Protein backbone atom coordinates (compact mmCIF):
# COMPACT_ATOMS: atom_id res chain seq x y z
CA MET A 1 90.22 102.07 102.41
CA ILE A 2 88.78 102.58 105.89
CA TYR A 3 85.03 102.64 106.48
CA LYS A 4 83.34 103.98 109.53
CA VAL A 5 79.75 102.90 110.35
CA ASP A 6 77.36 104.65 112.54
CA SER A 7 74.07 103.43 113.37
CA LEU A 8 71.22 105.81 114.38
CA LYS A 9 68.23 103.75 115.40
CA HIS A 10 67.42 101.85 112.27
CA PHE A 11 69.41 103.71 109.67
CA PRO A 12 73.05 102.75 109.46
CA VAL A 13 75.26 105.47 107.95
CA VAL A 14 78.56 104.52 106.34
CA TYR A 15 81.34 106.97 105.83
CA HIS A 16 84.16 106.55 103.54
CA LEU A 17 87.51 107.78 104.98
CA THR A 18 90.41 108.31 102.70
CA SER A 19 93.57 106.73 103.62
CA ASN A 20 96.94 108.77 103.79
CA LYS A 21 98.56 106.56 101.17
CA LYS A 22 99.70 108.50 98.15
CA GLN A 23 99.32 106.93 94.78
CA ASP A 24 102.48 106.23 92.91
CA MET A 25 101.88 108.49 89.97
CA SER A 26 104.50 110.10 88.16
CA LYS A 27 104.12 113.82 87.72
CA ILE A 28 103.27 114.72 84.22
CA GLU A 29 105.21 117.64 82.87
CA ILE A 30 105.28 119.70 79.58
CA GLY A 31 106.91 117.73 76.74
CA ASP A 32 106.17 114.19 78.05
CA LEU A 33 104.66 111.61 75.85
CA VAL A 34 101.51 110.36 77.12
CA THR A 35 98.89 107.63 76.25
CA LEU A 36 95.63 106.60 77.98
CA ARG A 37 95.83 104.88 81.20
CA GLY A 38 96.05 101.20 80.90
CA MET A 39 97.11 101.19 77.16
CA LYS A 40 100.98 101.37 77.72
CA LYS A 41 101.48 97.88 76.69
CA GLN A 42 99.16 97.84 73.72
CA LYS A 43 100.55 97.92 70.15
CA GLU A 44 97.94 100.42 68.78
CA LYS A 45 97.41 103.24 71.11
CA PRO A 46 97.04 107.13 71.03
CA ILE A 47 100.29 108.89 71.79
CA GLY A 48 100.35 112.54 72.58
CA MET A 49 102.66 115.20 73.69
CA VAL A 50 101.78 117.50 76.75
CA LYS A 51 101.39 120.95 75.36
CA ARG A 52 100.27 123.15 78.27
CA ILE A 53 99.11 122.55 81.81
CA TRP A 54 96.04 124.65 82.66
CA ALA A 55 95.25 126.29 86.02
CA THR A 56 92.58 123.59 86.75
CA LYS A 57 95.30 120.77 86.48
CA ASP A 58 93.91 119.68 83.12
CA LEU A 59 96.46 118.93 80.30
CA GLU A 60 96.27 120.15 76.75
CA ILE A 61 97.63 117.39 74.57
CA PHE A 62 98.91 117.54 70.92
CA TRP A 63 98.14 114.01 69.43
CA LEU A 64 100.77 112.71 67.25
CA ASN A 65 98.71 110.10 65.72
CA GLU A 66 95.51 112.07 65.21
CA ASP A 67 93.60 109.10 63.51
CA MET A 68 94.24 106.96 66.43
CA ALA A 69 93.09 109.77 68.87
CA ASN A 70 89.88 110.14 66.86
CA ARG A 71 89.19 106.30 67.02
CA PHE A 72 89.23 106.74 70.86
CA ALA A 73 87.19 109.97 70.68
CA LEU A 74 89.81 111.95 72.42
CA VAL A 75 89.83 115.79 72.78
CA LYS A 76 92.74 118.07 73.27
CA ILE A 77 92.13 118.74 76.94
CA LEU A 78 92.10 116.02 79.35
CA ASP A 79 92.33 115.27 83.15
CA ALA A 80 95.62 114.03 84.23
CA LYS A 81 94.13 110.82 85.94
CA LYS A 82 93.12 109.59 82.52
CA LEU A 83 96.73 109.54 81.28
CA GLU A 84 99.97 107.65 81.85
CA VAL A 85 103.63 108.67 80.88
CA VAL A 86 105.18 106.77 77.96
CA SER A 87 108.26 108.89 77.90
CA LYS A 88 109.68 111.52 80.13
CA ALA A 89 111.04 114.81 78.63
CA HIS A 90 114.40 115.77 79.81
CA GLN A 91 114.47 119.62 80.76
């Protein structure tokens, strides 16, 4: 992260500038098996299949283990930032 500090008399102002580094995220596509980010190595985790990609880049998920998804209070439409790919679909 890059920070830029400007001081105007007594009030310093801090600006957060984003870097040009791209995050190493695999693109999630229809048919991929996904789980919550950070739970890939857990034994008990909700697993879902990507059903549809909305125009807002949100994903509609069909949860394969519905009871586990209810335990984590998951809904059917989630932001892609909250998910990680368990297995890619071959298309």
